[in-house]
Amino acid sequence: MPDSEGTLSALRRETESYLKFVEELERKRKPGEGIFGLKGGPADNPCHEQYSETVRQLLEGFARQNPPSELVRPVLEELYAAPKRHPRPACSYWMLIAVQRHSLPLIDLLSPQDAFDLYVRFSREVPRHERLPVQTEILKKLKTR
């Protein structure tokens, strides 16, 4: 039986750990680091790619279990809501959006009703003028499903 609670807990735990680490990087930032296109600072830290890879592995492992829609939906809701809950600092906000791309295979496992409900909610929470390509792709796939 697929483990939605374990996946959801792991996703929350990894996200919180990542956000705490980025906050610490922000606190330790040296004056001038990362501004005006200069290298350095929290945005250049490898933790962002590490977080993305962790989320990818977590969601791929969950998808391989072929979970039913009622287990997939809360995981996707958590992933899609994270950027609005954590808009600062900017470098982690953009990564919380970027990792949403790892959700695309899970959308195929949603029931049409769950896909519709997520489509309505996600399209309301992310206005058209704020959408990034990955979010447009998610919405298109939810609508198709």
N, C-alpha and C. Protein backbone atom coordinates (compact mmCIF):
# COMPACT_ATOMS: atom_id res chain seq x y z
N MET A 1 0.84 -1.18 0.00
CA MET A 1 0.00 0.00 0.00
C MET A 1 0.88 1.25 0.00
N PRO A 2 0.65 2.18 -0.91
CA PRO A 2 1.44 3.41 -0.95
C PRO A 2 1.30 4.20 0.35
N ASP A 3 2.33 4.94 0.66
CA ASP A 3 2.38 5.66 1.93
C ASP A 3 2.33 7.17 1.71
N SER A 4 1.11 7.70 1.61
CA SER A 4 0.94 9.15 1.41
C SER A 4 1.42 9.92 2.62
N GLU A 5 1.07 9.45 3.80
CA GLU A 5 1.47 10.17 5.02
C GLU A 5 2.99 10.24 5.13
N GLY A 6 3.65 9.15 4.82
CA GLY A 6 5.11 9.16 4.86
C GLY A 6 5.70 10.10 3.84
N THR A 7 5.14 10.10 2.64
CA THR A 7 5.62 11.00 1.59
C THR A 7 5.32 12.44 1.95
N LEU A 8 4.13 12.70 2.42
CA LEU A 8 3.74 14.06 2.82
C LEU A 8 4.62 14.55 3.97
N SER A 9 4.83 13.72 4.96
CA SER A 9 5.70 14.08 6.09
C SER A 9 7.12 14.34 5.64
N ALA A 10 7.62 13.47 4.77
CA ALA A 10 8.99 13.63 4.27
C ALA A 10 9.11 14.91 3.45
N LEU A 11 8.11 15.21 2.63
CA LEU A 11 8.13 16.44 1.84
C LEU A 11 8.14 17.66 2.75
N ARG A 12 7.29 17.65 3.76
CA ARG A 12 7.25 18.77 4.71
C ARG A 12 8.58 18.90 5.46
N ARG A 13 9.11 17.78 5.89
CA ARG A 13 10.36 17.78 6.65
C ARG A 13 11.52 18.31 5.79
N GLU A 14 11.61 17.84 4.56
CA GLU A 14 12.68 18.29 3.67
C GLU A 14 12.54 19.78 3.34
N THR A 15 11.31 20.23 3.13
CA THR A 15 11.08 21.64 2.82
C THR A 15 11.43 22.51 4.00
N GLU A 16 11.01 22.14 5.19
CA GLU A 16 11.33 22.93 6.38
C GLU A 16 12.83 22.97 6.63
N SER A 17 13.49 21.85 6.45
CA SER A 17 14.94 21.80 6.63
C SER A 17 15.64 22.71 5.62
N TYR A 18 15.21 22.63 4.39
CA TYR A 18 15.76 23.48 3.33
C TYR A 18 15.55 24.96 3.66
N LEU A 19 14.33 25.32 4.04
CA LEU A 19 14.03 26.73 4.35
C LEU A 19 14.83 27.24 5.55
N LYS A 20 15.00 26.42 6.56
CA LYS A 20 15.81 26.82 7.71
C LYS A 20 17.27 27.04 7.31
N PHE A 21 17.78 26.16 6.45
CA PHE A 21 19.16 26.29 6.00
C PHE A 21 19.34 27.59 5.20
N VAL A 22 18.39 27.90 4.31
CA VAL A 22 18.47 29.12 3.52
C VAL A 22 18.36 30.35 4.42
N GLU A 23 17.50 30.31 5.42
CA GLU A 23 17.39 31.42 6.37
C GLU A 23 18.73 31.65 7.08
N GLU A 24 19.39 30.57 7.44
CA GLU A 24 20.69 30.69 8.09
C GLU A 24 21.72 31.29 7.12
N LEU A 25 21.68 30.88 5.87
CA LEU A 25 22.57 31.47 4.87
C LEU A 25 22.31 32.97 4.74
N GLU A 26 21.04 33.35 4.76
CA GLU A 26 20.68 34.77 4.67
C GLU A 26 21.23 35.54 5.88
N ARG A 27 21.14 34.97 7.06
CA ARG A 27 21.64 35.64 8.26
C ARG A 27 23.16 35.83 8.20
N LYS A 28 23.85 34.87 7.60
CA LYS A 28 25.31 34.91 7.54
C LYS A 28 25.84 35.61 6.29
N ARG A 29 24.94 36.11 5.47
CA ARG A 29 25.34 36.76 4.22
C ARG A 29 26.28 37.93 4.51
N LYS A 30 27.36 38.01 3.72
CA LYS A 30 28.30 39.12 3.84
C LYS A 30 27.79 40.28 3.00
N PRO A 31 28.10 41.49 3.41
CA PRO A 31 27.65 42.65 2.64
C PRO A 31 28.11 42.56 1.17
N GLY A 32 27.19 42.79 0.26
CA GLY A 32 27.51 42.79 -1.16
C GLY A 32 27.43 41.45 -1.86
N GLU A 33 27.33 40.37 -1.09
CA GLU A 33 27.27 39.04 -1.71
C GLU A 33 25.99 38.89 -2.52
N GLY A 34 26.15 38.52 -3.76
CA GLY A 34 25.01 38.19 -4.60
C GLY A 34 24.23 39.37 -5.14
N ILE A 35 24.67 40.59 -4.88
CA ILE A 35 23.92 41.73 -5.42
C ILE A 35 24.59 42.24 -6.70
N PHE A 36 23.82 42.88 -7.53
CA PHE A 36 24.29 43.43 -8.80
C PHE A 36 24.98 42.38 -9.67
N GLY A 37 24.51 41.15 -9.57
CA GLY A 37 25.06 40.08 -10.40
C GLY A 37 26.36 39.49 -9.90
N LEU A 38 26.82 39.92 -8.73
CA LEU A 38 28.05 39.36 -8.18
C LEU A 38 27.82 37.94 -7.69
N LYS A 39 28.84 37.14 -7.77
CA LYS A 39 28.75 35.75 -7.30
C LYS A 39 28.75 35.72 -5.78
N GLY A 40 28.30 34.59 -5.28
CA GLY A 40 28.28 34.39 -3.84
C GLY A 40 26.90 34.62 -3.27
N GLY A 41 26.78 34.40 -2.00
CA GLY A 41 25.51 34.59 -1.34
C GLY A 41 24.65 33.34 -1.36
N PRO A 42 23.53 33.41 -0.70
CA PRO A 42 22.64 32.25 -0.57
C PRO A 42 22.15 31.67 -1.90
N ALA A 43 21.94 32.49 -2.90
CA ALA A 43 21.41 31.98 -4.17
C ALA A 43 22.38 31.05 -4.89
N ASP A 44 23.67 31.16 -4.60
CA ASP A 44 24.67 30.31 -5.26
C ASP A 44 24.97 29.03 -4.49
N ASN A 45 24.35 28.84 -3.36
CA ASN A 45 24.64 27.67 -2.54
C ASN A 45 24.09 26.40 -3.20
N PRO A 46 24.82 25.31 -3.13
CA PRO A 46 24.34 24.05 -3.74
C PRO A 46 23.12 23.44 -3.05
N CYS A 47 22.70 24.00 -1.93
CA CYS A 47 21.55 23.44 -1.22
C CYS A 47 20.28 23.46 -2.07
N HIS A 48 20.17 24.40 -3.00
CA HIS A 48 18.98 24.51 -3.82
C HIS A 48 18.84 23.31 -4.75
N GLU A 49 19.93 22.95 -5.40
CA GLU A 49 19.90 21.78 -6.28
C GLU A 49 19.76 20.49 -5.48
N GLN A 50 20.34 20.46 -4.30
CA GLN A 50 20.20 19.29 -3.44
C GLN A 50 18.75 19.10 -3.03
N TYR A 51 18.09 20.20 -2.69
CA TYR A 51 16.67 20.13 -2.33
C TYR A 51 15.84 19.64 -3.52
N SER A 52 16.10 20.19 -4.68
CA SER A 52 15.37 19.78 -5.88
C SER A 52 15.55 18.28 -6.14
N GLU A 53 16.76 17.80 -6.01
CA GLU A 53 17.03 16.38 -6.24
C GLU A 53 16.33 15.51 -5.19
N THR A 54 16.30 15.96 -3.96
CA THR A 54 15.62 15.22 -2.90
C THR A 54 14.12 15.13 -3.18
N VAL A 55 13.52 16.25 -3.58
CA VAL A 55 12.09 16.26 -3.90
C VAL A 55 11.82 15.35 -5.11
N ARG A 56 12.69 15.42 -6.12
CA ARG A 56 12.51 14.57 -7.31
C ARG A 56 12.51 13.09 -6.91
N GLN A 57 13.48 12.69 -6.13
CA GLN A 57 13.57 11.29 -5.71
C GLN A 57 12.37 10.88 -4.88
N LEU A 58 11.95 11.74 -4.00
CA LEU A 58 10.81 11.46 -3.13
C LEU A 58 9.53 11.26 -3.96
N LEU A 59 9.27 12.18 -4.88
CA LEU A 59 8.06 12.09 -5.69
C LEU A 59 8.11 10.95 -6.70
N GLU A 60 9.29 10.69 -7.26
CA GLU A 60 9.41 9.55 -8.18
C GLU A 60 9.18 8.23 -7.45
N GLY A 61 9.73 8.12 -6.25
CA GLY A 61 9.52 6.91 -5.47
C GLY A 61 8.05 6.72 -5.12
N PHE A 62 7.38 7.80 -4.80
CA PHE A 62 5.95 7.76 -4.49
C PHE A 62 5.16 7.35 -5.73
N ALA A 63 5.49 7.93 -6.87
CA ALA A 63 4.78 7.61 -8.13
C ALA A 63 4.95 6.15 -8.51
N ARG A 64 6.14 5.59 -8.25
CA ARG A 64 6.39 4.17 -8.58
C ARG A 64 5.47 3.23 -7.80
N GLN A 65 4.95 3.69 -6.66
CA GLN A 65 4.03 2.88 -5.86
C GLN A 65 2.62 2.86 -6.45
N ASN A 66 2.41 3.69 -7.50
CA ASN A 66 1.11 3.79 -8.16
C ASN A 66 -0.02 4.07 -7.16
N PRO A 67 0.13 5.14 -6.37
CA PRO A 67 -0.87 5.43 -5.34
C PRO A 67 -2.20 5.90 -5.95
N PRO A 68 -3.29 5.68 -5.23
CA PRO A 68 -4.58 6.18 -5.71
C PRO A 68 -4.66 7.70 -5.56
N SER A 69 -5.61 8.28 -6.25
CA SER A 69 -5.77 9.73 -6.28
C SER A 69 -5.89 10.34 -4.90
N GLU A 70 -6.62 9.69 -4.00
CA GLU A 70 -6.83 10.29 -2.67
C GLU A 70 -5.53 10.38 -1.85
N LEU A 71 -4.51 9.64 -2.26
CA LEU A 71 -3.21 9.75 -1.60
C LEU A 71 -2.30 10.75 -2.31
N VAL A 72 -2.51 10.90 -3.61
CA VAL A 72 -1.68 11.82 -4.40
C VAL A 72 -2.07 13.27 -4.14
N ARG A 73 -3.35 13.51 -4.07
CA ARG A 73 -3.84 14.89 -3.96
C ARG A 73 -3.22 15.68 -2.80
N PRO A 74 -3.17 15.16 -1.56
CA PRO A 74 -2.58 15.97 -0.49
C PRO A 74 -1.09 16.28 -0.70
N VAL A 75 -0.39 15.39 -1.34
CA VAL A 75 1.03 15.63 -1.63
C VAL A 75 1.16 16.79 -2.62
N LEU A 76 0.33 16.77 -3.67
CA LEU A 76 0.38 17.85 -4.65
C LEU A 76 -0.09 19.17 -4.04
N GLU A 77 -1.11 19.12 -3.21
CA GLU A 77 -1.57 20.34 -2.55
C GLU A 77 -0.45 20.97 -1.72
N GLU A 78 0.28 20.15 -1.02
CA GLU A 78 1.39 20.64 -0.21
C GLU A 78 2.47 21.28 -1.09
N LEU A 79 2.81 20.62 -2.15
CA LEU A 79 3.84 21.11 -3.06
C LEU A 79 3.43 22.42 -3.73
N TYR A 80 2.19 22.50 -4.15
CA TYR A 80 1.71 23.68 -4.86
C TYR A 80 1.48 24.88 -3.93
N ALA A 81 1.22 24.64 -2.66
CA ALA A 81 0.96 25.73 -1.72
C ALA A 81 2.23 26.31 -1.11
N ALA A 82 3.32 25.59 -1.16
CA ALA A 82 4.55 26.00 -0.47
C ALA A 82 5.06 27.40 -0.86
N PRO A 83 5.10 27.77 -2.13
CA PRO A 83 5.63 29.11 -2.45
C PRO A 83 4.82 30.26 -1.84
N LYS A 84 3.52 30.12 -1.78
CA LYS A 84 2.69 31.18 -1.19
C LYS A 84 2.91 31.27 0.32
N ARG A 85 3.17 30.14 0.95
CA ARG A 85 3.40 30.14 2.39
C ARG A 85 4.79 30.67 2.76
N HIS A 86 5.73 30.55 1.81
CA HIS A 86 7.13 30.93 2.09
C HIS A 86 7.67 31.82 0.98
N PRO A 87 7.19 33.07 0.88
CA PRO A 87 7.63 33.95 -0.21
C PRO A 87 9.03 34.55 -0.03
N ARG A 88 9.58 34.43 1.13
CA ARG A 88 10.91 34.99 1.40
C ARG A 88 11.78 33.94 2.03
N PRO A 89 13.06 33.96 1.77
CA PRO A 89 13.80 34.79 0.83
C PRO A 89 13.52 34.38 -0.62
N ALA A 90 13.85 35.26 -1.52
CA ALA A 90 13.51 35.07 -2.93
C ALA A 90 14.14 33.81 -3.51
N CYS A 91 15.37 33.50 -3.14
CA CYS A 91 16.03 32.33 -3.75
C CYS A 91 15.31 31.03 -3.40
N SER A 92 14.77 30.93 -2.20
CA SER A 92 14.03 29.71 -1.85
C SER A 92 12.62 29.74 -2.45
N TYR A 93 12.02 30.91 -2.56
CA TYR A 93 10.71 31.04 -3.20
C TYR A 93 10.76 30.50 -4.63
N TRP A 94 11.76 30.92 -5.39
CA TRP A 94 11.86 30.46 -6.78
C TRP A 94 12.12 28.96 -6.85
N MET A 95 12.87 28.43 -5.90
CA MET A 95 13.12 26.99 -5.90
C MET A 95 11.85 26.22 -5.53
N LEU A 96 11.04 26.75 -4.63
CA LEU A 96 9.78 26.08 -4.28
C LEU A 96 8.86 26.00 -5.49
N ILE A 97 8.95 26.96 -6.37
CA ILE A 97 8.19 26.89 -7.62
C ILE A 97 8.85 25.91 -8.58
N ALA A 98 10.16 25.98 -8.69
CA ALA A 98 10.88 25.12 -9.64
C ALA A 98 10.68 23.63 -9.35
N VAL A 99 10.64 23.24 -8.09
CA VAL A 99 10.49 21.82 -7.77
C VAL A 99 9.09 21.28 -8.10
N GLN A 100 8.16 22.18 -8.37
CA GLN A 100 6.83 21.73 -8.75
C GLN A 100 6.86 20.92 -10.04
N ARG A 101 7.90 21.09 -10.85
CA ARG A 101 8.02 20.32 -12.09
C ARG A 101 8.09 18.81 -11.82
N HIS A 102 8.55 18.46 -10.64
CA HIS A 102 8.66 17.04 -10.30
C HIS A 102 7.30 16.39 -10.04
N SER A 103 6.25 17.21 -9.99
CA SER A 103 4.91 16.69 -9.73
C SER A 103 4.21 16.20 -10.99
N LEU A 104 4.72 16.52 -12.16
CA LEU A 104 4.02 16.21 -13.41
C LEU A 104 3.63 14.73 -13.56
N PRO A 105 4.51 13.77 -13.24
CA PRO A 105 4.09 12.37 -13.36
C PRO A 105 2.96 11.98 -12.41
N LEU A 106 2.88 12.64 -11.27
CA LEU A 106 1.82 12.31 -10.30
C LEU A 106 0.45 12.77 -10.77
N ILE A 107 0.40 13.79 -11.61
CA ILE A 107 -0.88 14.29 -12.09
C ILE A 107 -1.64 13.19 -12.84
N ASP A 108 -0.91 12.33 -13.53
CA ASP A 108 -1.55 11.22 -14.26
C ASP A 108 -2.29 10.26 -13.33
N LEU A 109 -1.95 10.27 -12.05
CA LEU A 109 -2.56 9.35 -11.09
C LEU A 109 -3.80 9.93 -10.42
N LEU A 110 -4.09 11.20 -10.70
CA LEU A 110 -5.26 11.85 -10.10
C LEU A 110 -6.55 11.41 -10.79
N SER A 111 -7.61 11.37 -10.04
CA SER A 111 -8.93 11.17 -10.63
C SER A 111 -9.29 12.45 -11.38
N PRO A 112 -10.18 12.37 -12.35
CA PRO A 112 -10.59 13.60 -13.04
C PRO A 112 -11.13 14.66 -12.08
N GLN A 113 -11.88 14.25 -11.06
CA GLN A 113 -12.43 15.22 -10.11
C GLN A 113 -11.33 15.88 -9.29
N ASP A 114 -10.37 15.09 -8.79
CA ASP A 114 -9.26 15.67 -8.02
C ASP A 114 -8.42 16.59 -8.89
N ALA A 115 -8.20 16.20 -10.15
CA ALA A 115 -7.44 17.05 -11.07
C ALA A 115 -8.18 18.37 -11.30
N PHE A 116 -9.49 18.29 -11.47
CA PHE A 116 -10.29 19.51 -11.66
C PHE A 116 -10.22 20.41 -10.43
N ASP A 117 -10.38 19.82 -9.25
CA ASP A 117 -10.34 20.60 -8.01
C ASP A 117 -8.97 21.28 -7.83
N LEU A 118 -7.91 20.55 -8.12
CA LEU A 118 -6.57 21.14 -8.02
C LEU A 118 -6.38 22.23 -9.08
N TYR A 119 -6.91 22.01 -10.26
CA TYR A 119 -6.82 23.01 -11.33
C TYR A 119 -7.48 24.32 -10.90
N VAL A 120 -8.68 24.21 -10.36
CA VAL A 120 -9.42 25.41 -9.94
C VAL A 120 -8.65 26.13 -8.83
N ARG A 121 -8.21 25.39 -7.85
CA ARG A 121 -7.49 26.01 -6.72
C ARG A 121 -6.17 26.64 -7.16
N PHE A 122 -5.40 25.90 -7.94
CA PHE A 122 -4.08 26.36 -8.37
C PHE A 122 -4.21 27.57 -9.29
N SER A 123 -5.20 27.57 -10.18
CA SER A 123 -5.36 28.70 -11.09
C SER A 123 -5.81 29.96 -10.34
N ARG A 124 -6.54 29.80 -9.25
CA ARG A 124 -6.92 30.95 -8.41
C ARG A 124 -5.72 31.48 -7.62
N GLU A 125 -4.92 30.57 -7.08
CA GLU A 125 -3.80 30.96 -6.22
C GLU A 125 -2.63 31.54 -6.99
N VAL A 126 -2.52 31.17 -8.26
CA VAL A 126 -1.42 31.67 -9.09
C VAL A 126 -2.02 32.42 -10.27
N PRO A 127 -2.19 33.74 -10.13
CA PRO A 127 -2.80 34.52 -11.21
C PRO A 127 -2.01 34.38 -12.52
N ARG A 128 -2.71 34.47 -13.62
CA ARG A 128 -2.12 34.27 -14.94
C ARG A 128 -0.86 35.12 -15.14
N HIS A 129 -0.88 36.37 -14.71
CA HIS A 129 0.26 37.27 -14.93
C HIS A 129 1.48 36.93 -14.07
N GLU A 130 1.30 36.05 -13.07
CA GLU A 130 2.42 35.65 -12.21
C GLU A 130 2.96 34.27 -12.56
N ARG A 131 2.31 33.55 -13.44
CA ARG A 131 2.68 32.16 -13.72
C ARG A 131 4.00 32.05 -14.46
N LEU A 132 4.76 31.09 -14.01
CA LEU A 132 5.99 30.72 -14.70
C LEU A 132 5.68 29.53 -15.62
N PRO A 133 6.54 29.25 -16.57
CA PRO A 133 6.26 28.16 -17.51
C PRO A 133 5.91 26.83 -16.85
N VAL A 134 6.59 26.48 -15.77
CA VAL A 134 6.29 25.21 -15.11
C VAL A 134 4.87 25.21 -14.55
N GLN A 135 4.43 26.34 -14.05
CA GLN A 135 3.08 26.42 -13.50
C GLN A 135 2.02 26.35 -14.61
N THR A 136 2.32 26.95 -15.74
CA THR A 136 1.43 26.86 -16.89
C THR A 136 1.34 25.41 -17.36
N GLU A 137 2.47 24.72 -17.38
CA GLU A 137 2.49 23.31 -17.78
C GLU A 137 1.68 22.44 -16.81
N ILE A 138 1.80 22.71 -15.52
CA ILE A 138 1.03 21.98 -14.51
C ILE A 138 -0.46 22.19 -14.73
N LEU A 139 -0.85 23.44 -14.92
CA LEU A 139 -2.26 23.74 -15.12
C LEU A 139 -2.80 23.08 -16.40
N LYS A 140 -2.01 23.09 -17.44
CA LYS A 140 -2.42 22.45 -18.70
C LYS A 140 -2.62 20.94 -18.48
N LYS A 141 -1.70 20.33 -17.76
CA LYS A 141 -1.82 18.89 -17.52
C LYS A 141 -3.00 18.57 -16.61
N LEU A 142 -3.22 19.41 -15.58
CA LEU A 142 -4.39 19.21 -14.71
C LEU A 142 -5.67 19.35 -15.51
N LYS A 143 -5.73 20.32 -16.38
CA LYS A 143 -6.94 20.54 -17.19
C LYS A 143 -7.17 19.37 -18.13
N THR A 144 -6.13 18.86 -18.74
CA THR A 144 -6.24 17.71 -19.65
C THR A 144 -6.72 16.47 -18.90
N ARG A 145 -6.21 16.30 -17.70
CA ARG A 145 -6.58 15.12 -16.90
C ARG A 145 -8.05 15.18 -16.55
